[in-house]
Amino acid sequence: MAVSNRKGSKKRLLDSKRKLIAKYDPKSPVSEQYRTIRTNILFSSVDKEIRTIMVTSSGPGEGKSTTTANLAVVFAQQGRTVLLVDADLRKPTVHYTFNTLNNTGLTSVLTNQISLMEAVQEDDEKNLYVLPSGPIPPNPSELLSSRAMQNFMELALEEFDVILFDTPPVLAVTDAQILANICQGSVLVVSSGKTEKDALLKTKELLTASNGKLLGIVLNNKKLDKHSNYYYYGAN
């Protein structure tokens, strides 16, 4: 059993390093593209600084969680205190990416079982803090649309410079639309060759209907030939 646990821990660490390219390989072309996305977000609003951002996609497996995690890293590398929140209360993955525990988290804070700062986990990347989803609730949409979520946002803004939310896919459930209405901006991740045009248009329509501000779209998994001068946004 001990050997099996060690193998499992090693695999999780390798998976974490593969996904967090901005942290473990900051000089790579892909890491540079995450910094470009960060810059575009910062300049997307002239009058007011964007501090609360949700990242989503049309469907599953399009790279939105990896994109969120790497954006959190590059914002932290800029010297801003960053809170990465796993707001996917149905299929959370942030704790896997950062190789941490998910015993308590966002749901624990929203149900007043623990305070925000007690639930937050500090990453070894300077300025980066992670809030896992916590135990999966029976009513994710209701929890995210509650007054407790509004209170959470107000408190988090007092403690951190930037708050990034990893959310479920828009076409799967209403959770992302709820958060789009709360956050100052949304980033939509699409996967080249996978995301269908109709799905993308429907997603954009739903985000707009929720009064969310779409900051931009990240094209993920774009394969280019070796002679191209361009890189793709995102990672596998």
Protein backbone atom coordinates (compact mmCIF):
# COMPACT_ATOMS: atom_id res chain seq x y z
CA MET A 1 0.00 0.00 0.00
CA ALA A 2 2.85 2.38 0.86
CA VAL A 3 4.51 1.77 -2.51
CA SER A 4 1.21 2.36 -4.28
CA ASN A 5 0.71 5.64 -2.43
CA ARG A 6 4.20 6.83 -3.38
CA LYS A 7 3.55 6.01 -7.02
CA GLY A 8 0.25 7.87 -6.88
CA SER A 9 1.87 10.93 -5.29
CA LYS A 10 4.64 10.94 -7.90
CA LYS A 11 2.11 10.72 -10.73
CA ARG A 12 0.07 13.63 -9.29
CA LEU A 13 3.22 15.73 -9.02
CA LEU A 14 4.18 14.98 -12.62
CA ASP A 15 0.67 15.82 -13.79
CA SER A 16 0.83 19.07 -11.84
CA LYS A 17 4.14 20.05 -13.44
CA ARG A 18 2.80 19.22 -16.89
CA LYS A 19 -0.28 21.41 -16.44
CA LEU A 20 1.39 24.31 -14.63
CA ILE A 21 3.80 25.20 -17.40
CA ALA A 22 3.89 28.88 -16.40
CA LYS A 23 5.20 27.83 -13.00
CA TYR A 24 7.65 25.10 -13.94
CA ASP A 25 8.79 26.36 -17.36
CA PRO A 26 8.25 30.15 -17.27
CA LYS A 27 10.52 30.80 -20.26
CA SER A 28 8.58 28.55 -22.64
CA PRO A 29 6.60 30.02 -25.57
CA VAL A 30 3.35 28.81 -24.03
CA SER A 31 4.13 30.58 -20.74
CA GLU A 32 4.76 33.74 -22.74
CA GLN A 33 1.29 33.40 -24.27
CA TYR A 34 -0.26 33.20 -20.81
CA ARG A 35 1.51 36.45 -19.98
CA THR A 36 0.09 37.93 -23.17
CA ILE A 37 -3.41 36.90 -22.08
CA ARG A 38 -2.74 38.50 -18.68
CA THR A 39 -1.72 41.75 -20.38
CA ASN A 40 -4.82 41.70 -22.58
CA ILE A 41 -7.03 41.25 -19.52
CA LEU A 42 -5.35 44.15 -17.72
CA PHE A 43 -5.89 46.44 -20.70
CA SER A 44 -9.44 45.27 -21.40
CA SER A 45 -10.89 47.97 -19.17
CA VAL A 46 -9.59 51.54 -19.24
CA ASP A 47 -11.77 53.03 -16.51
CA LYS A 48 -11.75 50.27 -13.89
CA GLU A 49 -9.22 47.62 -12.94
CA ILE A 50 -10.44 44.07 -13.55
CA ARG A 51 -9.97 42.11 -10.33
CA THR A 52 -12.56 39.32 -10.45
CA ILE A 53 -12.39 37.03 -13.46
CA MET A 54 -14.10 33.76 -14.26
CA VAL A 55 -12.77 31.33 -16.84
CA THR A 56 -15.11 28.93 -18.58
CA SER A 57 -15.74 26.99 -21.80
CA SER A 58 -18.64 25.68 -23.85
CA GLY A 59 -18.12 22.05 -22.93
CA PRO A 60 -15.76 19.79 -20.97
CA GLY A 61 -12.18 19.01 -21.92
CA GLU A 62 -11.43 22.29 -23.67
CA GLY A 63 -8.65 23.41 -21.32
CA LYS A 64 -10.38 26.00 -19.15
CA SER A 65 -9.01 24.62 -15.85
CA THR A 66 -5.43 24.52 -17.12
CA THR A 67 -5.85 28.03 -18.50
CA THR A 68 -7.22 29.32 -15.18
CA ALA A 69 -4.38 27.76 -13.21
CA ASN A 70 -1.66 29.20 -15.45
CA LEU A 71 -3.28 32.64 -15.50
CA ALA A 72 -3.25 32.56 -11.70
CA VAL A 73 0.47 31.78 -11.80
CA VAL A 74 1.39 34.59 -14.20
CA PHE A 75 -0.69 37.14 -12.26
CA ALA A 76 1.14 36.07 -9.09
CA GLN A 77 4.49 36.32 -10.85
CA GLN A 78 3.65 39.95 -11.56
CA GLY A 79 3.60 40.61 -7.83
CA ARG A 80 -0.16 40.62 -7.30
CA THR A 81 -1.74 38.57 -4.54
CA VAL A 82 -3.92 36.06 -6.35
CA LEU A 83 -6.68 33.77 -5.15
CA LEU A 84 -7.59 30.89 -7.45
CA VAL A 85 -11.06 29.59 -6.57
CA ASP A 86 -12.35 26.23 -7.75
CA ALA A 87 -15.98 27.18 -8.41
CA ASP A 88 -16.69 23.97 -10.29
CA LEU A 89 -18.73 22.47 -7.49
CA ARG A 90 -19.67 19.43 -9.58
CA LYS A 91 -16.36 18.16 -10.98
CA PRO A 92 -13.58 20.06 -9.17
CA THR A 93 -10.01 19.64 -10.41
CA VAL A 94 -7.96 22.50 -8.92
CA HIS A 95 -6.81 20.38 -5.98
CA TYR A 96 -5.44 17.82 -8.43
CA THR A 97 -3.60 20.48 -10.45
CA PHE A 98 -1.97 21.93 -7.34
CA ASN A 99 -1.51 18.53 -5.67
CA THR A 100 -3.35 19.57 -2.54
CA LEU A 101 -6.26 18.45 -0.35
CA ASN A 102 -9.94 19.15 -0.92
CA ASN A 103 -11.34 18.43 2.53
CA THR A 104 -12.46 22.04 2.95
CA GLY A 105 -12.88 24.85 0.47
CA LEU A 106 -15.39 27.20 -1.13
CA THR A 107 -18.46 25.22 -0.05
CA SER A 108 -17.16 25.13 3.51
CA VAL A 109 -16.80 28.93 3.52
CA LEU A 110 -20.22 29.54 1.95
CA THR A 111 -21.91 27.34 4.55
CA ASN A 112 -20.08 29.09 7.42
CA GLN A 113 -18.15 26.00 8.48
CA ILE A 114 -14.79 27.75 8.19
CA SER A 115 -13.50 31.24 7.47
CA LEU A 116 -12.07 32.23 4.10
CA MET A 117 -8.51 32.66 5.32
CA GLU A 118 -8.65 29.35 7.19
CA ALA A 119 -9.77 27.56 4.04
CA VAL A 120 -7.26 29.20 1.69
CA GLN A 121 -4.09 27.22 0.94
CA GLU A 122 -0.85 29.03 0.15
CA ASP A 123 1.03 27.70 -2.87
CA ASP A 124 4.82 27.62 -3.05
CA GLU A 125 4.52 30.07 -5.95
CA LYS A 126 4.91 33.44 -4.22
CA ASN A 127 1.68 35.50 -3.98
CA LEU A 128 -0.51 32.60 -5.12
CA TYR A 129 -3.28 31.19 -2.92
CA VAL A 130 -5.67 28.36 -3.76
CA LEU A 131 -9.20 27.73 -2.54
CA PRO A 132 -10.38 24.24 -3.54
CA SER A 133 -14.07 23.56 -4.08
CA GLY A 134 -14.54 21.73 -0.80
CA PRO A 135 -17.11 18.93 -0.42
CA ILE A 136 -19.49 18.70 -3.38
CA PRO A 137 -22.89 20.14 -2.38
CA PRO A 138 -26.35 18.93 -3.46
CA ASN A 139 -27.26 22.44 -4.69
CA PRO A 140 -24.30 24.10 -6.47
CA SER A 141 -26.33 26.70 -8.40
CA GLU A 142 -28.25 27.83 -5.34
CA LEU A 143 -25.05 28.09 -3.33
CA LEU A 144 -23.31 30.21 -5.98
CA SER A 145 -26.29 32.54 -6.28
CA SER A 146 -26.69 32.98 -2.53
CA ARG A 147 -26.03 36.05 -0.43
CA ALA A 148 -23.17 34.09 1.11
CA MET A 149 -21.42 34.17 -2.29
CA GLN A 150 -21.80 37.94 -2.44
CA ASN A 151 -20.30 38.19 1.04
CA PHE A 152 -17.48 35.88 -0.01
CA MET A 153 -16.65 38.12 -2.96
CA GLU A 154 -16.56 41.25 -0.81
CA LEU A 155 -14.30 39.62 1.76
CA ALA A 156 -11.97 38.10 -0.86
CA LEU A 157 -11.51 41.50 -2.52
CA GLU A 158 -10.31 42.88 0.80
CA GLU A 159 -7.61 40.20 1.02
CA PHE A 160 -6.46 39.68 -2.57
CA ASP A 161 -5.63 41.78 -5.63
CA VAL A 162 -6.97 39.32 -8.22
CA ILE A 163 -9.53 36.54 -7.86
CA LEU A 164 -9.81 33.91 -10.58
CA PHE A 165 -12.70 31.45 -10.73
CA ASP A 166 -12.52 28.09 -12.49
CA THR A 167 -16.14 27.34 -13.43
CA PRO A 168 -18.11 24.52 -15.05
CA PRO A 169 -18.78 24.61 -18.82
CA VAL A 170 -21.54 27.05 -19.76
CA LEU A 171 -23.67 24.64 -21.78
CA ALA A 172 -23.63 21.96 -19.08
CA VAL A 173 -25.13 23.87 -16.13
CA THR A 174 -26.11 27.42 -15.13
CA ASP A 175 -23.26 27.91 -12.62
CA ALA A 176 -20.99 29.83 -14.99
CA GLN A 177 -23.79 32.22 -15.94
CA ILE A 178 -24.38 32.99 -12.26
CA LEU A 179 -20.72 33.78 -11.71
CA ALA A 180 -20.51 35.81 -14.93
CA ASN A 181 -23.06 38.14 -13.40
CA ILE A 182 -20.98 38.49 -10.23
CA CYS A 183 -17.48 38.79 -11.74
CA GLN A 184 -16.14 41.86 -13.51
CA GLY A 185 -15.11 39.84 -16.53
CA SER A 186 -15.23 36.43 -18.18
CA VAL A 187 -12.69 34.59 -20.32
CA LEU A 188 -13.96 31.90 -22.68
CA VAL A 189 -11.64 29.02 -23.62
CA VAL A 190 -12.21 27.22 -26.92
CA SER A 191 -10.35 24.17 -28.17
CA SER A 192 -9.17 24.26 -31.77
CA GLY A 193 -10.76 21.50 -33.79
CA LYS A 194 -13.05 20.49 -30.93
CA THR A 195 -15.32 23.39 -30.00
CA GLU A 196 -18.20 23.59 -32.44
CA LYS A 197 -19.23 26.96 -33.85
CA ASP A 198 -22.85 26.60 -32.78
CA ALA A 199 -21.78 25.74 -29.24
CA LEU A 200 -19.47 28.75 -29.12
CA LEU A 201 -22.18 31.12 -30.33
CA LYS A 202 -24.69 29.71 -27.84
CA THR A 203 -22.16 30.10 -25.03
CA LYS A 204 -21.46 33.71 -25.94
CA GLU A 205 -25.21 34.36 -26.08
CA LEU A 206 -25.76 32.90 -22.60
CA LEU A 207 -22.88 34.85 -21.06
CA THR A 208 -24.17 38.06 -22.60
CA ALA A 209 -27.69 37.35 -21.37
CA SER A 210 -26.37 36.97 -17.83
CA ASN A 211 -25.02 40.56 -18.00
CA GLY A 212 -21.48 39.27 -17.88
CA LYS A 213 -18.65 41.12 -19.60
CA LEU A 214 -16.78 38.85 -22.00
CA LEU A 215 -13.15 39.99 -21.92
CA GLY A 216 -12.01 37.72 -24.71
CA ILE A 217 -11.60 34.21 -26.08
CA VAL A 218 -8.55 32.01 -25.62
CA LEU A 219 -7.82 29.67 -28.52
CA ASN A 220 -6.43 26.48 -27.03
CA ASN A 221 -4.62 23.50 -28.59
CA LYS A 222 -3.95 25.25 -31.89
CA LYS A 223 -1.36 23.23 -33.76
CA LEU A 224 0.89 25.25 -36.04
CA ASP A 225 3.68 24.19 -38.36
CA LYS A 226 7.30 24.75 -37.40
CA HIS A 227 7.67 27.68 -39.84
CA SER A 228 4.92 29.72 -38.21
CA ASN A 229 5.79 32.86 -36.26
CA TYR A 230 2.78 32.43 -33.99
CA TYR A 231 2.16 30.34 -30.91
CA TYR A 232 -1.07 28.93 -29.57
CA TYR A 233 -2.76 30.05 -26.38
CA GLY A 234 -3.10 27.50 -23.62
CA ALA A 235 -1.90 23.98 -23.13
CA ASN A 236 -3.17 20.41 -23.24
